[in-house]
C-alpha atoms as a PDB file:
ATOM      1  CA  MET A   1      16.127  -2.385  15.272  1.00  0.00           C
ATOM      2  CA  GLU A   2      19.891  -2.297  14.883  1.00  0.00           C
ATOM      3  CA  ILE A   3      21.305   0.483  12.717  1.00  0.00           C
ATOM      4  CA  ASN A   4      22.145  -0.625   9.133  1.00  0.00           C
ATOM      5  CA  GLN A   5      20.642  -4.090   9.653  1.00  0.00           C
ATOM      6  CA  ARG A   6      18.923  -5.092   6.437  1.00  0.00           C
ATOM      7  CA  ILE A   7      15.143  -5.312   6.261  1.00  0.00           C
ATOM      8  CA  LEU A   8      13.376  -7.843   4.064  1.00  0.00           C
ATOM      9  CA  ILE A   9      10.865  -6.116   1.796  1.00  0.00           C
ATOM     10  CA  THR A  10       8.354  -7.476  -0.691  1.00  0.00           C
ATOM     11  CA  GLY A  11       6.625  -5.370  -3.325  1.00  0.00           C
ATOM     12  CA  ALA A  12       9.717  -3.217  -3.881  1.00  0.00           C
ATOM     13  CA  ASN A  13       8.775  -2.763  -7.552  1.00  0.00           C
ATOM     14  CA  SER A  14       5.360  -1.326  -6.708  1.00  0.00           C
ATOM     15  CA  PHE A  15       4.653   2.411  -6.676  1.00  0.00           C
ATOM     16  CA  LEU A  16       4.819   2.566  -2.879  1.00  0.00           C
ATOM     17  CA  GLY A  17       7.698   0.078  -2.657  1.00  0.00           C
ATOM     18  CA  THR A  18       9.820   1.984  -5.166  1.00  0.00           C
ATOM     19  CA  SER A  19       9.162   5.235  -3.333  1.00  0.00           C
ATOM     20  CA  LEU A  20      10.073   3.668   0.002  1.00  0.00           C
ATOM     21  CA  THR A  21      13.334   2.078  -1.145  1.00  0.00           C
ATOM     22  CA  ASN A  22      14.353   5.238  -3.025  1.00  0.00           C
ATOM     23  CA  ASP A  23      13.689   7.361   0.044  1.00  0.00           C
ATOM     24  CA  THR A  24      16.648   9.165   1.600  1.00  0.00           C
ATOM     25  CA  ASN A  25      16.816   7.192   4.837  1.00  0.00           C
ATOM     26  CA  ASN A  26      19.461   4.949   6.361  1.00  0.00           C
ATOM     27  CA  ASN A  27      17.572   1.710   5.791  1.00  0.00           C
ATOM     28  CA  LYS A  28      19.136  -1.132   3.852  1.00  0.00           C
ATOM     29  CA  TYR A  29      16.805  -3.620   2.186  1.00  0.00           C
ATOM     30  CA  LEU A  30      16.816  -7.167   0.916  1.00  0.00           C
ATOM     31  CA  ALA A  31      14.068  -7.034  -1.710  1.00  0.00           C
ATOM     32  CA  TYR A  32      12.230 -10.097  -2.986  1.00  0.00           C
ATOM     33  CA  VAL A  33      11.176  -9.457  -6.597  1.00  0.00           C
ATOM     34  CA  ARG A  34       9.923 -11.567  -9.477  1.00  0.00           C
ATOM     35  CA  GLN A  35      12.271 -10.060 -12.041  1.00  0.00           C
ATOM     36  CA  ASP A  36      15.891  -9.474 -11.130  1.00  0.00           C
ATOM     37  CA  ARG A  37      17.108  -5.889 -10.905  1.00  0.00           C
ATOM     38  CA  LYS A  38      20.492  -4.283 -10.452  1.00  0.00           C
ATOM     39  CA  SER A  39      21.230  -3.901  -6.772  1.00  0.00           C
ATOM     40  CA  SER A  40      22.562  -0.790  -5.064  1.00  0.00           C
ATOM     41  CA  ASP A  41      24.256  -0.012  -1.764  1.00  0.00           C
ATOM     42  CA  SER A  42      20.887   0.327  -0.052  1.00  0.00           C
ATOM     43  CA  VAL A  43      18.798  -2.319  -1.869  1.00  0.00           C
ATOM     44  CA  TYR A  44      19.846  -5.865  -2.753  1.00  0.00           C
ATOM     45  CA  PHE A  45      17.361  -7.456  -5.167  1.00  0.00           C
ATOM     46  CA  GLU A  46      16.817 -11.220  -5.157  1.00  0.00           C
ATOM     47  CA  ASN A  47      14.385 -13.208  -7.304  1.00  0.00           C
ATOM     48  CA  ASN A  48      15.411 -16.703  -6.217  1.00  0.00           C
ATOM     49  CA  ILE A  49      13.455 -17.791  -3.152  1.00  0.00           C
ATOM     50  CA  GLU A  50      16.075 -20.233  -1.872  1.00  0.00           C
ATOM     51  CA  ASN A  51      18.842 -17.629  -2.137  1.00  0.00           C
ATOM     52  CA  LEU A  52      16.568 -15.135  -0.412  1.00  0.00           C
ATOM     53  CA  LEU A  53      15.841 -17.466   2.510  1.00  0.00           C
ATOM     54  CA  ARG A  54      19.530 -18.289   2.857  1.00  0.00           C
ATOM     55  CA  THR A  55      20.400 -14.587   2.977  1.00  0.00           C
ATOM     56  CA  VAL A  56      17.701 -13.901   5.575  1.00  0.00           C
ATOM     57  CA  ASN A  57      19.179 -16.623   7.756  1.00  0.00           C
ATOM     58  CA  ASN A  58      22.860 -15.813   7.186  1.00  0.00           C
ATOM     59  CA  GLN A  59      22.457 -12.070   7.735  1.00  0.00           C
ATOM     60  CA  ASN A  60      20.231 -12.528  10.773  1.00  0.00           C
ATOM     61  CA  ILE A  61      17.425 -10.462   9.189  1.00  0.00           C
ATOM     62  CA  ARG A  62      14.503 -10.351  11.601  1.00  0.00           C
ATOM     63  CA  THR A  63      12.076  -7.748  10.191  1.00  0.00           C
ATOM     64  CA  CYS A  64       9.995  -7.760   6.995  1.00  0.00           C
ATOM     65  CA  ILE A  65       7.943  -5.014   5.340  1.00  0.00           C
ATOM     66  CA  HIS A  66       5.384  -6.998   3.379  1.00  0.00           C
ATOM     67  CA  MET A  67       3.463  -5.053   0.740  1.00  0.00           C
ATOM     68  CA  ALA A  68       3.385  -7.427  -2.244  1.00  0.00           C
ATOM     69  CA  ASN A  69       0.157  -9.055  -3.394  1.00  0.00           C
ATOM     70  CA  PHE A  70       1.191 -12.426  -4.814  1.00  0.00           C
ATOM     71  CA  ALA A  71      -0.547 -13.119  -8.127  1.00  0.00           C
ATOM     72  CA  ASN A  72      -0.399 -15.737 -10.847  1.00  0.00           C
ATOM     73  CA  THR A  73       1.764 -14.875 -13.829  1.00  0.00           C
ATOM     74  CA  GLY A  74      -0.345 -14.093 -16.884  1.00  0.00           C
ATOM     75  CA  SER A  75      -3.824 -14.020 -15.360  1.00  0.00           C
ATOM     76  CA  GLY A  76      -2.887 -11.631 -12.556  1.00  0.00           C
ATOM     77  CA  GLU A  77      -5.281 -13.500 -10.256  1.00  0.00           C
ATOM     78  CA  LEU A  78      -4.338 -13.174  -6.602  1.00  0.00           C
ATOM     79  CA  ASN A  79      -2.644 -16.288  -5.237  1.00  0.00           C
ATOM     80  CA  THR A  80      -3.319 -16.249  -1.512  1.00  0.00           C
ATOM     81  CA  ASN A  81      -1.984 -19.755  -0.849  1.00  0.00           C
ATOM     82  CA  SER A  82       1.348 -18.971  -2.513  1.00  0.00           C
ATOM     83  CA  GLU A  83       1.699 -15.837  -0.397  1.00  0.00           C
ATOM     84  CA  ILE A  84       0.914 -17.734   2.813  1.00  0.00           C
ATOM     85  CA  THR A  85       3.510 -20.367   1.886  1.00  0.00           C
ATOM     86  CA  PHE A  86       6.080 -17.598   1.361  1.00  0.00           C
ATOM     87  CA  LEU A  87       5.323 -16.094   4.773  1.00  0.00           C
ATOM     88  CA  LYS A  88       5.750 -19.473   6.474  1.00  0.00           C
ATOM     89  CA  LYS A  89       9.114 -19.920   4.746  1.00  0.00           C
ATOM     90  CA  VAL A  90      10.456 -16.541   5.846  1.00  0.00           C
ATOM     91  CA  LYS A  91       9.220 -17.314   9.359  1.00  0.00           C
ATOM     92  CA  ASN A  92      11.270 -20.521   9.334  1.00  0.00           C
ATOM     93  CA  SER A  93      14.294 -18.599   8.028  1.00  0.00           C
ATOM     94  CA  GLY A  94      14.299 -16.213  10.971  1.00  0.00           C
ATOM     95  CA  ILE A  95      11.843 -13.376  10.305  1.00  0.00           C
ATOM     96  CA  GLN A  96      10.148 -12.470  13.581  1.00  0.00           C
ATOM     97  CA  LYS A  97       8.437  -9.138  12.928  1.00  0.00           C
ATOM     98  CA  VAL A  98       6.260  -8.103   9.988  1.00  0.00           C
ATOM     99  CA  ILE A  99       4.959  -4.682   9.057  1.00  0.00           C
ATOM    100  CA  TYR A 100       2.124  -5.473   6.663  1.00  0.00           C
ATOM    101  CA  ILE A 101       0.771  -2.864   4.264  1.00  0.00           C
ATOM    102  CA  SER A 102      -2.943  -3.579   4.128  1.00  0.00           C
ATOM    103  CA  THR A 103      -5.886  -1.358   3.218  1.00  0.00           C
ATOM    104  CA  TYR A 104      -8.776   0.361   4.972  1.00  0.00           C
ATOM    105  CA  TRP A 105     -10.992  -1.305   2.363  1.00  0.00           C
ATOM    106  CA  VAL A 106     -11.110  -4.405   4.589  1.00  0.00           C
ATOM    107  CA  ASP A 107     -13.540  -2.442   6.789  1.00  0.00           C
ATOM    108  CA  ILE A 108     -15.886  -1.403   3.963  1.00  0.00           C
ATOM    109  CA  GLU A 109     -18.936  -3.644   4.274  1.00  0.00           C
ATOM    110  CA  GLU A 110     -19.784  -3.569   0.565  1.00  0.00           C
ATOM    111  CA  TYR A 111     -16.274  -4.837  -0.306  1.00  0.00           C
ATOM    112  CA  SER A 112     -16.522  -7.933   1.897  1.00  0.00           C
ATOM    113  CA  ASP A 113     -16.998 -10.232  -1.130  1.00  0.00           C
ATOM    114  CA  SER A 114     -14.187  -8.617  -3.141  1.00  0.00           C
ATOM    115  CA  GLN A 115     -11.376 -11.060  -3.943  1.00  0.00           C
ATOM    116  CA  TYR A 116      -8.868  -8.341  -3.103  1.00  0.00           C
ATOM    117  CA  VAL A 117     -10.371  -7.753   0.352  1.00  0.00           C
ATOM    118  CA  ILE A 118     -10.744 -11.482   1.027  1.00  0.00           C
ATOM    119  CA  HIS A 119      -7.068 -11.900   0.105  1.00  0.00           C
ATOM    120  CA  LYS A 120      -5.964  -9.035   2.357  1.00  0.00           C
ATOM    121  CA  LYS A 121      -7.955 -10.380   5.310  1.00  0.00           C
ATOM    122  CA  ARG A 122      -6.454 -13.869   4.967  1.00  0.00           C
ATOM    123  CA  ILE A 123      -2.937 -12.456   4.820  1.00  0.00           C
ATOM    124  CA  GLU A 124      -3.639 -10.295   7.869  1.00  0.00           C
ATOM    125  CA  GLU A 125      -4.786 -13.390   9.783  1.00  0.00           C
ATOM    126  CA  THR A 126      -1.730 -15.377   8.693  1.00  0.00           C
ATOM    127  CA  ILE A 127       0.637 -12.629   9.821  1.00  0.00           C
ATOM    128  CA  LYS A 128      -1.155 -12.320  13.161  1.00  0.00           C
ATOM    129  CA  LYS A 129      -0.747 -16.082  13.652  1.00  0.00           C
ATOM    130  CA  TYR A 130       2.959 -16.397  12.885  1.00  0.00           C
ATOM    131  CA  PHE A 131       4.656 -13.059  13.662  1.00  0.00           C
ATOM    132  CA  SER A 132       4.868 -10.061  15.903  1.00  0.00           C
ATOM    133  CA  TYR A 133       3.049  -7.600  13.669  1.00  0.00           C
ATOM    134  CA  LYS A 134       2.053  -4.083  12.845  1.00  0.00           C
ATOM    135  CA  ILE A 135      -0.705  -4.053  10.250  1.00  0.00           C
ATOM    136  CA  LEU A 136      -1.019  -0.690   8.514  1.00  0.00           C
ATOM    137  CA  ARG A 137      -4.385  -0.185   6.824  1.00  0.00           C
ATOM    138  CA  ILE A 138      -3.481   2.751   4.650  1.00  0.00           C
ATOM    139  CA  GLY A 139      -5.468   5.116   2.455  1.00  0.00           C
ATOM    140  CA  ASP A 140      -5.672   5.556  -1.314  1.00  0.00           C
ATOM    141  CA  VAL A 141      -2.026   6.289  -2.133  1.00  0.00           C
ATOM    142  CA  TYR A 142      -1.188   8.760  -4.906  1.00  0.00           C
ATOM    143  CA  GLY A 143       1.732  10.861  -6.038  1.00  0.00           C
ATOM    144  CA  VAL A 144       4.021  11.995  -8.841  1.00  0.00           C
ATOM    145  CA  GLU A 145       4.852   9.377 -11.517  1.00  0.00           C
ATOM    146  CA  ASP A 146       2.076   7.017 -10.423  1.00  0.00           C
ATOM    147  CA  GLN A 147       1.350   4.887 -13.508  1.00  0.00           C
ATOM    148  CA  ARG A 148      -1.210   2.553 -11.936  1.00  0.00           C
ATOM    149  CA  LYS A 149      -4.808   2.280 -13.095  1.00  0.00           C
ATOM    150  CA  LYS A 150      -6.111   4.321 -10.180  1.00  0.00           C
ATOM    151  CA  LEU A 151      -8.422   7.317  -9.879  1.00  0.00           C
ATOM    152  CA  ILE A 152      -5.934  10.185  -9.679  1.00  0.00           C
ATOM    153  CA  PRO A 153      -3.633   8.912 -12.482  1.00  0.00           C
ATOM    154  CA  PHE A 154      -6.787   8.479 -14.591  1.00  0.00           C
ATOM    155  CA  LEU A 155      -7.853  12.058 -13.868  1.00  0.00           C
ATOM    156  CA  LEU A 156      -4.380  13.325 -14.762  1.00  0.00           C
ATOM    157  CA  ASP A 157      -4.419  11.421 -18.058  1.00  0.00           C
ATOM    158  CA  ASN A 158      -7.852  12.826 -18.980  1.00  0.00           C
ATOM    159  CA  GLU A 159      -7.921  16.255 -17.328  1.00  0.00           C
ATOM    160  CA  ASN A 160      -8.018  18.076 -20.664  1.00  0.00           C
ATOM    161  CA  SER A 161     -11.056  16.161 -21.902  1.00  0.00           C
ATOM    162  CA  GLU A 162     -14.474  17.772 -22.153  1.00  0.00           C
ATOM    163  CA  GLU A 163     -16.063  14.926 -20.187  1.00  0.00           C
ATOM    164  CA  ILE A 164     -14.832  12.062 -17.999  1.00  0.00           C
ATOM    165  CA  LEU A 165     -16.839   8.884 -17.413  1.00  0.00           C
ATOM    166  CA  LEU A 166     -16.213   7.272 -14.009  1.00  0.00           C
ATOM    167  CA  ASN A 167     -17.247   4.200 -12.077  1.00  0.00           C
ATOM    168  CA  GLY A 168     -18.545   4.810  -8.596  1.00  0.00           C
ATOM    169  CA  PHE A 169     -21.090   6.727  -6.587  1.00  0.00           C
ATOM    170  CA  PRO A 170     -20.477  10.487  -6.117  1.00  0.00           C
ATOM    171  CA  GLU A 171     -21.128  10.424  -2.366  1.00  0.00           C
ATOM    172  CA  ASN A 172     -18.816   7.508  -1.612  1.00  0.00           C
ATOM    173  CA  ILE A 173     -15.983   8.462   0.727  1.00  0.00           C
ATOM    174  CA  VAL A 174     -12.336   8.100  -0.258  1.00  0.00           C
ATOM    175  CA  ARG A 175      -9.277   8.638   1.916  1.00  0.00           C
ATOM    176  CA  PRO A 176      -6.394   9.902  -0.254  1.00  0.00           C
ATOM    177  CA  LEU A 177      -2.848   9.646   1.069  1.00  0.00           C
ATOM    178  CA  THR A 178       0.319  10.996  -0.544  1.00  0.00           C
ATOM    179  CA  VAL A 179       3.031   8.428  -1.198  1.00  0.00           C
ATOM    180  CA  LYS A 180       5.491  10.679   0.669  1.00  0.00           C
ATOM    181  CA  GLU A 181       3.358  10.607   3.826  1.00  0.00           C
ATOM    182  CA  ALA A 182       2.908   6.844   3.492  1.00  0.00           C
ATOM    183  CA  CYS A 183       6.690   6.348   3.321  1.00  0.00           C
ATOM    184  CA  ILE A 184       7.309   8.595   6.331  1.00  0.00           C
ATOM    185  CA  PHE A 185       4.698   6.723   8.358  1.00  0.00           C
ATOM    186  CA  ILE A 186       6.134   3.310   7.422  1.00  0.00           C
ATOM    187  CA  ASN A 187       9.649   4.442   8.367  1.00  0.00           C
ATOM    188  CA  ASN A 188       8.430   5.883  11.668  1.00  0.00           C
ATOM    189  CA  THR A 189       6.566   2.648  12.381  1.00  0.00           C
ATOM    190  CA  LEU A 190       9.711   0.678  11.613  1.00  0.00           C
ATOM    191  CA  GLU A 191      11.788   2.762  14.025  1.00  0.00           C
ATOM    192  CA  ARG A 192       9.379   2.268  16.922  1.00  0.00           C
ATOM    193  CA  GLU A 193      10.228  -1.022  18.600  1.00  0.00           C
ATOM    194  CA  GLU A 194       7.189  -0.892  20.868  1.00  0.00           C
ATOM    195  CA  ASN A 195       3.485  -1.407  20.136  1.00  0.00           C
ATOM    196  CA  TYR A 196       3.724  -4.581  18.089  1.00  0.00           C
ATOM    197  CA  ASN A 197       0.625  -6.755  17.635  1.00  0.00           C
ATOM    198  CA  ASN A 198      -1.305  -3.675  16.631  1.00  0.00           C
ATOM    199  CA  ILE A 199      -3.568  -2.718  13.696  1.00  0.00           C
ATOM    200  CA  ILE A 200      -3.250   0.909  12.618  1.00  0.00           C
ATOM    201  CA  ASP A 201      -5.280   3.027  10.192  1.00  0.00           C
ATOM    202  CA  PHE A 202      -3.390   5.753   8.336  1.00  0.00           C
ATOM    203  CA  TYR A 203      -5.032   7.879   5.667  1.00  0.00           C
ATOM    204  CA  GLY A 204      -5.917  11.427   4.692  1.00  0.00           C
ATOM    205  CA  GLU A 205      -9.062  13.326   5.595  1.00  0.00           C
ATOM    206  CA  ALA A 206     -12.224  11.613   4.369  1.00  0.00           C
ATOM    207  CA  ILE A 207     -13.697  13.261   1.287  1.00  0.00           C
ATOM    208  CA  SER A 208     -16.513  12.292  -1.084  1.00  0.00           C
ATOM    209  CA  LEU A 209     -15.613  11.182  -4.586  1.00  0.00           C
ATOM    210  CA  GLU A 210     -17.499  14.151  -6.037  1.00  0.00           C
ATOM    211  CA  HIS A 211     -15.759  16.624  -3.715  1.00  0.00           C
ATOM    212  CA  LEU A 212     -12.348  15.121  -4.553  1.00  0.00           C
ATOM    213  CA  ILE A 213     -12.958  15.570  -8.276  1.00  0.00           C
ATOM    214  CA  ASN A 214     -14.103  19.155  -7.757  1.00  0.00           C
ATOM    215  CA  LYS A 215     -10.984  19.781  -5.643  1.00  0.00           C
ATOM    216  CA  PHE A 216      -8.854  18.271  -8.416  1.00  0.00           C
ATOM    217  CA  LYS A 217     -10.433  20.542 -11.032  1.00  0.00           C
ATOM    218  CA  GLU A 218      -9.998  23.612  -8.849  1.00  0.00           C
ATOM    219  CA  ALA A 219      -6.367  22.826  -7.980  1.00  0.00           C
ATOM    220  CA  ARG A 220      -5.418  22.196 -11.605  1.00  0.00           C
ATOM    221  CA  ASN A 221      -7.660  24.828 -13.215  1.00  0.00           C
ATOM    222  CA  LYS A 222      -9.628  22.300 -15.273  1.00  0.00           C
ATOM    223  CA  SER A 223     -13.267  22.356 -16.352  1.00  0.00           C
ATOM    224  CA  PHE A 224     -14.168  18.827 -17.536  1.00  0.00           C
ATOM    225  CA  LYS A 225     -17.626  17.451 -16.791  1.00  0.00           C
ATOM    226  CA  THR A 226     -18.031  14.192 -14.876  1.00  0.00           C
ATOM    227  CA  LYS A 227     -20.506  11.374 -15.455  1.00  0.00           C
ATOM    228  CA  TYR A 228     -20.795   8.199 -13.390  1.00  0.00           C
ATOM    229  CA  LYS A 229     -21.349   4.781 -14.938  1.00  0.00           C
ATOM    230  CA  LYS A 230     -22.876   3.216 -11.854  1.00  0.00           C
ATOM    231  CA  GLN A 231     -24.767   5.988 -10.143  1.00  0.00           C
ATOM    232  CA  THR A 232     -27.154   3.459  -8.581  1.00  0.00           C
ATOM    233  CA  MET A 233     -24.334   1.869  -6.565  1.00  0.00           C
ATOM    234  CA  ASN A 234     -25.016   1.871  -2.832  1.00  0.00           C
ATOM    235  CA  LYS A 235     -23.143   4.241  -0.614  1.00  0.00           C
ATOM    236  CA  TYR A 236     -20.253   2.533   1.151  1.00  0.00           C
ATOM    237  CA  THR A 237     -20.429   1.657   4.835  1.00  0.00           C
ATOM    238  CA  TYR A 238     -17.083   2.026   6.601  1.00  0.00           C
ATOM    239  CA  LEU A 239     -16.490   1.181  10.246  1.00  0.00           C
ATOM    240  CA  SER A 240     -12.881   0.884  11.387  1.00  0.00           C
ATOM    241  CA  SER A 241     -11.905  -2.210  13.353  1.00  0.00           C
ATOM    242  CA  SER A 242      -8.315  -1.066  13.913  1.00  0.00           C
ATOM    243  CA  ASP A 243      -6.645  -0.359  17.243  1.00  0.00           C
ATOM    244  CA  GLU A 244      -5.439   3.124  16.251  1.00  0.00           C
ATOM    245  CA  THR A 245      -6.298   5.726  13.616  1.00  0.00           C
ATOM    246  CA  HIS A 246      -3.909   8.435  12.382  1.00  0.00           C
ATOM    247  CA  ILE A 247      -4.950  11.145   9.924  1.00  0.00           C
ATOM    248  CA  ALA A 248      -2.396  12.593   7.502  1.00  0.00           C
ATOM    249  CA  LYS A 249      -2.144  16.380   7.539  1.00  0.00           C
ATOM    250  CA  SER A 250      -1.192  17.252   3.959  1.00  0.00           C
ATOM    251  CA  ASN A 251      -3.093  19.940   2.055  1.00  0.00           C
ATOM    252  CA  LEU A 252      -5.026  18.115  -0.662  1.00  0.00           C
ATOM    253  CA  TYR A 253      -5.369  21.203  -2.873  1.00  0.00           C
ATOM    254  CA  ASN A 254      -1.614  21.835  -2.830  1.00  0.00           C
ATOM    255  CA  GLU A 255      -0.733  18.194  -3.388  1.00  0.00           C
ATOM    256  CA  LEU A 256      -3.052  17.893  -6.393  1.00  0.00           C
ATOM    257  CA  SER A 257      -1.804  21.130  -7.928  1.00  0.00           C
ATOM    258  CA  ASN A 258       1.799  19.860  -7.701  1.00  0.00           C
ATOM    259  CA  LEU A 259       1.200  16.567  -9.543  1.00  0.00           C
END
């Protein structure tokens, strides 16, 4: 990729997207967002699709980092067809390569009927059909200032409680990944021109849900008790179908203690 050539990015307002575009690298982005934002030297925000497509074509932008999950306004229901239409439009405007941020959940058998997983699989197939691609099936991203309704933000919000009630099965395996490591891996993937048309797993060391919570309590010196709402849930079955697997090397105890 040419130095200082802009990269199209979707999902720039997400936790991972914000972290990536705020990162201290030399990348310049054209970000497609629903709500307009003030642009900077490194990120130009655009919420008008026709203006976006014109800019992609005029600036000869050829690479896209796609991490947005298109959803209907109001209901929040995933809109797979709208997302596929968007991808076809950017293809016609000149985008040739896509780095797609997917999830390792697509290889969890018990999630096969999940609307989220079905959506991710259809987008993966669309990208494989129309672009040179690198599909990154990443782990459960977490980090400082994460406001999403996810496990670790929930634990942080309730760590001083006497008891926490959780969904899930204690022995189910999770694969936590710091947002910093995710950003580094995406940038490294972007810099490597070779090995396109590849599916890559990237996540932290596998750990059971129960062990993760105990590690969280130890790292943060907390003593809350944990109860599970759905303790009869079956244990997950995960079998990777990716071409490569990379394991992040961060120290989970240290990362949790620094949140």
